[in-house]
Amino acid sequence: MSPRQILASLATVGLMALFGFGVWAGLGTLQTKASNVADPTQQQALVALPGTVVVAQNGSLYSLHGLTFSKLGTAPGNWVQVAPGPSGDLLAVDKGNGYSNVLLLNPQGQTIRLLLSESSTQFFNNHFAYYPRLSSNGQTLFYAWNWVDPSANYNVDFQIQAVPLSNPGATPTQWSIPNYYQGGDVEPLPLSNGGLIYAKYAVNTTTGATYSQLVSVSSPEGQLNYLTTPAQNCSEPALNPQATELAMICTDNQTQTSTLQVASWNGSSLGTPRLLSAGPMAAMPTWSPDGKSLVFMDPLQRSYPFQMWWVPNAAGSKPGVPQQVTQNLSLTATSAPVWYS
């Protein structure tokens, strides 16, 4: 399953009130299981991408340079997400039993410092911190954090929070107000103007189907500017370095397929989306450092392990055909690649 299908399927099982708990218990660990999965260091990539790409598989982090994978020297843990950090370092999520921590790693994967510690000896005082992202000036750490209702511990809706990178133990600033009992807000994308784009989940009260919309806000808990419609059902936003094109994953009301789409971005609204890949389960787009091409996750076919794909000229009017980059791997579908020069 792709990340957005994971969220959609969780919301349709059992009572709606259990949705938040399901996300809380499973998000960040889900990935396709397969019996013939190779160690990335024992495989060569099919395409030599420029620069270096960092990905996650089975709790470990790997860097791809040219055609060769190298395993990063992370401390023992279950590493499920990475993101660009300051000065070429990495942000990374280490998932524990019922919680996750966010750490700052150097490019080789060694721990520089613990940023967010969400573990507790009391189970329901544990929290998940996911999707860490830095502000454009590198001073603020954004992330999705699960709020727990003290009177109903099964209700765990994610909200977007932010803390100073220099003092991550400070009282967080809450940026979003999640829909109650409906999964919440995830995948923060800080903007250069100080605003934020993120994916906001909700449940259709008539059909019971879960959907997400991309929204932007200019300030914490500010007025929502809806960028996509419920029918588009879009999430996983990724903005190119020039801040002119937004990649996203959408289903367009298709329950078994997710697609990779790109739309122009003028700072306040999106243009008409262009389809780059029709799935079957596209996930987690990442732009190249020059902003011209994209990589993303997708299995060869349904229920197969996720591989990495490359779309040349993704920002152009005539994008290239997606090309398979990896084979025989099982890349973590909830962890976007990090691509740097």
Protein backbone atom coordinates (compact mmCIF):
# COMPACT_ATOMS: atom_id res chain seq x y z
CA MET A 1 0.00 0.00 0.00
CA SER A 2 1.02 3.60 -0.58
CA PRO A 3 0.92 6.00 2.41
CA ARG A 4 -2.33 7.59 1.27
CA GLN A 5 -4.03 4.21 0.72
CA ILE A 6 -2.88 3.14 4.18
CA LEU A 7 -4.67 6.14 5.65
CA ALA A 8 -7.76 5.59 3.52
CA SER A 9 -8.07 1.91 4.39
CA LEU A 10 -7.63 2.54 8.10
CA ALA A 11 -10.51 4.98 8.11
CA THR A 12 -12.98 2.53 6.62
CA VAL A 13 -12.35 -0.30 9.08
CA GLY A 14 -14.56 -0.36 12.15
CA LEU A 15 -15.82 2.73 13.90
CA MET A 16 -14.68 6.11 12.67
CA ALA A 17 -13.44 6.86 16.15
CA LEU A 18 -10.80 4.16 15.79
CA PHE A 19 -9.20 5.81 12.76
CA GLY A 20 -6.86 8.04 14.72
CA PHE A 21 -5.71 5.12 16.84
CA GLY A 22 -5.02 3.04 13.74
CA VAL A 23 -2.89 5.77 12.23
CA TRP A 24 -1.09 6.27 15.55
CA ALA A 25 -0.33 2.56 15.88
CA GLY A 26 0.81 1.92 12.33
CA LEU A 27 1.94 5.01 10.45
CA GLY A 28 5.61 5.09 9.54
CA THR A 29 6.22 1.34 9.79
CA LEU A 30 4.07 0.12 6.93
CA GLN A 31 5.82 -1.10 3.85
CA THR A 32 5.22 -3.83 1.34
CA LYS A 33 6.52 -7.21 2.48
CA ALA A 34 8.12 -9.58 -0.02
CA SER A 35 10.20 -12.74 0.19
CA ASN A 36 12.76 -11.89 -2.51
CA VAL A 37 13.98 -8.54 -1.24
CA ALA A 38 17.64 -7.72 -1.77
CA ASP A 39 20.08 -5.79 0.37
CA PRO A 40 20.52 -2.48 -1.51
CA THR A 41 24.31 -2.72 -1.14
CA GLN A 42 24.17 -5.97 -3.12
CA GLN A 43 22.28 -4.35 -6.01
CA GLN A 44 23.16 -1.80 -8.63
CA ALA A 45 20.71 0.90 -9.65
CA LEU A 46 19.33 0.84 -13.18
CA VAL A 47 19.80 4.59 -13.68
CA ALA A 48 22.75 6.74 -12.56
CA LEU A 49 21.04 9.77 -11.07
CA PRO A 50 23.08 12.94 -10.55
CA GLY A 51 24.01 13.67 -6.96
CA THR A 52 23.09 11.45 -4.01
CA VAL A 53 19.71 10.02 -3.00
CA VAL A 54 18.99 8.73 0.53
CA VAL A 55 16.22 6.14 1.02
CA ALA A 56 14.93 3.84 3.78
CA GLN A 57 14.42 0.08 3.69
CA ASN A 58 13.57 -2.29 6.56
CA GLY A 59 14.56 0.21 9.25
CA SER A 60 17.93 1.16 7.72
CA LEU A 61 19.05 4.14 5.64
CA TYR A 62 21.00 3.90 2.38
CA SER A 63 22.57 6.45 0.05
CA LEU A 64 22.62 5.97 -3.72
CA HIS A 65 25.47 7.61 -5.62
CA GLY A 66 25.81 6.75 -9.28
CA LEU A 67 24.74 3.11 -9.50
CA THR A 68 25.95 2.10 -6.03
CA PHE A 69 24.16 1.95 -2.68
CA SER A 70 25.96 2.41 0.64
CA LYS A 71 24.46 1.75 4.06
CA LEU A 72 24.54 4.72 6.41
CA GLY A 73 26.16 4.17 9.81
CA THR A 74 23.08 4.89 11.91
CA ALA A 75 22.78 3.76 15.51
CA PRO A 76 20.60 0.67 16.08
CA GLY A 77 16.96 1.59 15.55
CA ASN A 78 14.01 1.49 13.18
CA TRP A 79 14.70 4.34 10.79
CA VAL A 80 11.61 5.12 8.76
CA GLN A 81 11.88 8.70 7.45
CA VAL A 82 14.57 11.14 6.38
CA ALA A 83 14.49 14.77 5.32
CA PRO A 84 17.05 17.43 4.42
CA GLY A 85 18.77 18.96 7.45
CA PRO A 86 20.96 22.04 7.85
CA SER A 87 24.30 22.25 6.01
CA GLY A 88 23.93 18.88 4.29
CA ASP A 89 22.96 16.98 7.44
CA LEU A 90 19.84 14.82 7.69
CA LEU A 91 16.70 14.82 9.79
CA ALA A 92 15.54 11.29 10.54
CA VAL A 93 12.78 9.49 12.45
CA ASP A 94 13.57 6.50 14.66
CA LYS A 95 10.40 4.60 15.47
CA GLY A 96 10.12 2.77 18.79
CA ASN A 97 7.31 0.71 20.31
CA GLY A 98 4.40 3.14 20.30
CA TYR A 99 6.48 6.29 19.79
CA SER A 100 9.00 7.90 17.47
CA ASN A 101 11.93 10.24 17.99
CA VAL A 102 13.44 12.78 15.60
CA LEU A 103 17.21 13.06 15.37
CA LEU A 104 19.79 15.10 13.49
CA LEU A 105 22.31 12.93 11.63
CA ASN A 106 25.43 13.78 9.68
CA PRO A 107 25.60 12.69 6.00
CA GLN A 108 27.16 9.37 7.08
CA GLY A 109 24.18 8.64 9.34
CA GLN A 110 25.92 9.21 12.68
CA THR A 111 23.86 10.93 15.38
CA ILE A 112 24.63 14.59 15.98
CA ARG A 113 21.87 15.13 18.53
CA LEU A 114 18.39 14.09 19.59
CA LEU A 115 15.84 16.72 18.59
CA LEU A 116 12.49 15.31 19.71
CA SER A 117 12.07 12.56 22.30
CA GLU A 118 8.50 11.28 22.41
CA SER A 119 8.87 8.14 24.55
CA SER A 120 7.37 7.68 28.03
CA THR A 121 7.14 4.92 30.61
CA GLN A 122 3.35 5.46 30.46
CA PHE A 123 2.10 4.02 27.16
CA PHE A 124 -0.55 6.65 26.48
CA ASN A 125 1.98 9.41 27.16
CA ASN A 126 3.99 8.21 24.18
CA HIS A 127 3.68 10.21 20.99
CA PHE A 128 4.65 9.98 17.34
CA ALA A 129 6.61 12.76 15.64
CA TYR A 130 6.64 12.24 11.88
CA TYR A 131 7.49 14.10 8.66
CA PRO A 132 10.19 16.41 10.07
CA ARG A 133 10.86 19.38 7.79
CA LEU A 134 13.02 22.48 8.16
CA SER A 135 11.86 25.99 7.37
CA SER A 136 13.53 27.61 4.38
CA ASN A 137 15.84 29.62 6.68
CA GLY A 138 16.79 26.44 8.56
CA GLN A 139 15.76 27.83 11.94
CA THR A 140 12.43 26.06 12.58
CA LEU A 141 11.60 22.36 12.76
CA PHE A 142 8.10 21.43 11.58
CA TYR A 143 6.60 17.98 12.14
CA ALA A 144 3.32 16.08 12.50
CA TRP A 145 2.60 15.12 16.12
CA ASN A 146 -0.24 13.03 17.49
CA TRP A 147 -2.41 14.69 20.08
CA VAL A 148 -4.04 12.26 22.52
CA ASP A 149 -7.49 12.99 23.93
CA PRO A 150 -7.11 12.43 27.72
CA SER A 151 -10.72 11.25 27.97
CA ALA A 152 -10.58 9.04 24.86
CA ASN A 153 -7.10 7.64 24.27
CA TYR A 154 -8.21 5.89 21.09
CA ASN A 155 -8.65 9.31 19.45
CA VAL A 156 -5.21 10.22 18.14
CA ASP A 157 -5.31 12.92 15.49
CA PHE A 158 -2.11 14.35 14.04
CA GLN A 159 -1.47 18.09 14.13
CA ILE A 160 1.34 20.19 12.66
CA GLN A 161 3.71 21.67 15.24
CA ALA A 162 6.92 23.68 15.09
CA VAL A 163 9.84 24.32 17.43
CA PRO A 164 13.11 26.26 17.08
CA LEU A 165 15.82 23.95 15.75
CA SER A 166 18.23 25.51 18.22
CA ASN A 167 15.88 24.71 21.12
CA PRO A 168 13.62 21.78 20.16
CA GLY A 169 12.63 21.33 23.81
CA ALA A 170 10.77 24.64 23.73
CA THR A 171 6.98 24.75 23.92
CA PRO A 172 5.78 23.86 20.40
CA THR A 173 3.78 26.25 18.27
CA GLN A 174 0.65 24.56 16.95
CA TRP A 175 0.13 25.31 13.27
CA SER A 176 -2.94 23.23 12.47
CA ILE A 177 -6.24 22.24 14.05
CA PRO A 178 -7.00 18.67 12.93
CA ASN A 179 -10.44 17.36 12.12
CA TYR A 180 -11.73 15.55 15.18
CA TYR A 181 -11.59 11.72 14.95
CA GLN A 182 -10.47 11.85 11.31
CA GLY A 183 -6.72 11.29 11.23
CA GLY A 184 -5.52 14.84 11.32
CA ASP A 185 -2.87 16.84 9.50
CA VAL A 186 0.44 15.52 8.15
CA GLU A 187 3.27 16.17 5.68
CA PRO A 188 4.19 19.81 6.45
CA LEU A 189 5.86 21.70 3.62
CA PRO A 190 7.34 25.02 4.84
CA LEU A 191 7.27 27.90 2.35
CA SER A 192 9.87 30.62 1.85
CA ASN A 193 7.34 33.32 2.80
CA GLY A 194 6.94 31.79 6.25
CA GLY A 195 3.72 29.97 5.45
CA LEU A 196 3.03 26.26 5.25
CA ILE A 197 1.39 23.67 2.99
CA TYR A 198 0.19 20.38 4.47
CA ALA A 199 -2.21 17.50 3.87
CA LYS A 200 -5.46 17.69 5.85
CA TYR A 201 -7.43 14.45 6.26
CA ALA A 202 -11.19 14.22 6.70
CA VAL A 203 -13.96 11.63 6.44
CA ASN A 204 -16.95 11.99 4.15
CA THR A 205 -19.88 11.75 6.55
CA THR A 206 -22.16 10.39 3.82
CA THR A 207 -19.95 7.65 2.35
CA GLY A 208 -17.51 7.09 5.23
CA ALA A 209 -14.59 7.41 2.78
CA THR A 210 -11.40 9.13 3.88
CA TYR A 211 -9.90 11.86 1.72
CA SER A 212 -7.23 14.51 2.04
CA GLN A 213 -6.84 18.00 0.69
CA LEU A 214 -3.74 20.12 0.35
CA VAL A 215 -4.12 23.37 2.25
CA SER A 216 -1.90 26.38 2.87
CA VAL A 217 -1.78 28.74 5.83
CA SER A 218 0.20 31.92 6.31
CA SER A 219 0.45 31.72 10.10
CA PRO A 220 -0.09 29.26 12.98
CA GLU A 221 -3.74 28.13 13.07
CA GLY A 222 -4.40 30.63 10.29
CA GLN A 223 -7.24 30.63 7.80
CA LEU A 224 -7.16 27.60 5.54
CA ASN A 225 -6.57 28.10 1.83
CA TYR A 226 -7.71 24.90 0.12
CA LEU A 227 -5.48 24.08 -2.85
CA THR A 228 -7.17 20.83 -3.94
CA THR A 229 -10.70 19.45 -3.74
CA PRO A 230 -12.04 16.41 -1.85
CA ALA A 231 -12.62 14.70 -5.22
CA GLN A 232 -8.94 15.04 -6.15
CA ASN A 233 -7.92 13.44 -2.83
CA CYS A 234 -4.32 14.69 -2.83
CA SER A 235 -1.47 14.48 -0.33
CA GLU A 236 2.34 14.24 -0.10
CA PRO A 237 3.20 17.71 -1.44
CA ALA A 238 6.71 18.42 -2.74
CA LEU A 239 7.77 21.85 -4.03
CA ASN A 240 10.63 22.25 -6.48
CA PRO A 241 13.61 24.42 -5.43
CA GLN A 242 12.39 27.27 -7.63
CA ALA A 243 9.02 27.17 -5.79
CA THR A 244 7.16 27.14 -9.11
CA GLU A 245 5.97 23.52 -9.39
CA LEU A 246 4.23 21.35 -6.79
CA ALA A 247 4.29 17.56 -7.05
CA MET A 248 1.57 15.60 -5.24
CA ILE A 249 -0.03 12.19 -4.98
CA CYS A 250 -3.74 12.05 -5.88
CA THR A 251 -6.37 9.36 -6.36
CA ASP A 252 -9.13 11.36 -8.12
CA ASN A 253 -11.72 9.18 -6.37
CA GLN A 254 -10.07 5.94 -7.50
CA THR A 255 -9.87 3.57 -4.53
CA GLN A 256 -7.13 1.28 -5.87
CA THR A 257 -4.81 3.67 -7.73
CA SER A 258 -2.75 6.70 -6.78
CA THR A 259 -1.10 8.93 -9.35
CA LEU A 260 1.82 11.34 -9.43
CA GLN A 261 0.77 14.80 -10.58
CA VAL A 262 2.49 18.17 -10.93
CA ALA A 263 0.83 21.58 -10.95
CA SER A 264 2.25 25.08 -11.24
CA TRP A 265 2.40 27.09 -8.00
CA ASN A 266 2.14 30.90 -7.89
CA GLY A 267 2.46 31.27 -4.13
CA SER A 268 -1.25 31.07 -3.39
CA SER A 269 -2.90 28.62 -5.79
CA LEU A 270 -2.21 25.65 -8.05
CA GLY A 271 -2.55 25.47 -11.81
CA THR A 272 -4.10 22.61 -13.76
CA PRO A 273 -2.44 19.32 -12.70
CA ARG A 274 -0.38 17.34 -15.19
CA LEU A 275 -0.28 13.55 -14.86
CA LEU A 276 3.27 12.15 -14.65
CA SER A 277 2.62 8.59 -13.57
CA ALA A 278 -0.60 6.59 -13.35
CA GLY A 279 0.56 4.30 -10.57
CA PRO A 280 -0.43 1.69 -9.57
CA MET A 281 0.49 3.18 -6.18
CA ALA A 282 2.69 6.23 -6.62
CA ALA A 283 4.08 7.70 -3.41
CA MET A 284 6.52 10.22 -1.93
CA PRO A 285 7.79 12.46 -4.76
CA THR A 286 11.11 14.30 -4.35
CA TRP A 287 12.56 16.93 -6.68
CA SER A 288 16.12 16.92 -7.96
CA PRO A 289 18.43 19.68 -6.66
CA ASP A 290 18.10 21.54 -9.99
CA GLY A 291 14.30 21.27 -9.88
CA LYS A 292 14.04 19.64 -13.30
CA SER A 293 13.26 16.02 -12.48
CA LEU A 294 11.54 13.89 -9.84
CA VAL A 295 11.99 10.57 -8.11
CA PHE A 296 9.11 8.76 -6.42
CA MET A 297 8.12 5.37 -5.02
CA ASP A 298 5.92 2.84 -6.81
CA PRO A 299 5.70 -0.96 -6.99
CA LEU A 300 5.95 -2.73 -10.32
CA GLN A 301 2.44 -4.02 -9.72
CA ARG A 302 -0.04 -4.24 -6.87
CA SER A 303 1.21 -5.99 -3.69
CA TYR A 304 4.82 -5.92 -4.97
CA PRO A 305 7.62 -4.13 -3.08
CA PHE A 306 8.09 -0.42 -3.66
CA GLN A 307 10.87 0.65 -6.03
CA MET A 308 12.22 4.09 -6.90
CA TRP A 309 11.38 5.70 -10.25
CA TRP A 310 12.69 8.79 -12.03
CA VAL A 311 10.80 11.27 -14.21
CA PRO A 312 13.11 13.42 -16.37
CA ASN A 313 11.96 16.91 -17.31
CA ALA A 314 9.18 16.65 -14.72
CA ALA A 315 8.77 20.43 -14.52
CA GLY A 316 8.51 20.83 -18.31
CA SER A 317 5.47 20.94 -20.54
CA LYS A 318 6.46 17.54 -21.95
CA PRO A 319 7.74 15.44 -19.01
CA GLY A 320 9.67 12.26 -19.75
CA VAL A 321 8.38 8.74 -19.28
CA PRO A 322 9.02 7.36 -15.76
CA GLN A 323 12.13 5.17 -15.63
CA GLN A 324 12.71 2.46 -13.03
CA VAL A 325 15.75 3.21 -10.84
CA THR A 326 15.81 0.21 -8.46
CA GLN A 327 14.86 -3.45 -8.61
CA ASN A 328 14.41 -6.22 -6.04
CA LEU A 329 14.29 -3.74 -3.18
CA SER A 330 11.47 -2.99 -0.72
CA LEU A 331 11.77 0.73 -0.09
CA THR A 332 9.76 2.23 2.75
CA ALA A 333 6.69 3.77 1.15
CA THR A 334 6.15 6.32 3.93
CA SER A 335 9.66 7.78 3.63
CA ALA A 336 10.33 10.31 0.88
CA PRO A 337 13.82 10.16 -0.64
CA VAL A 338 16.30 12.94 0.09
CA TRP A 339 18.11 14.13 -3.05
CA TYR A 340 21.09 16.45 -2.78
CA SER A 341 23.98 17.50 -5.04
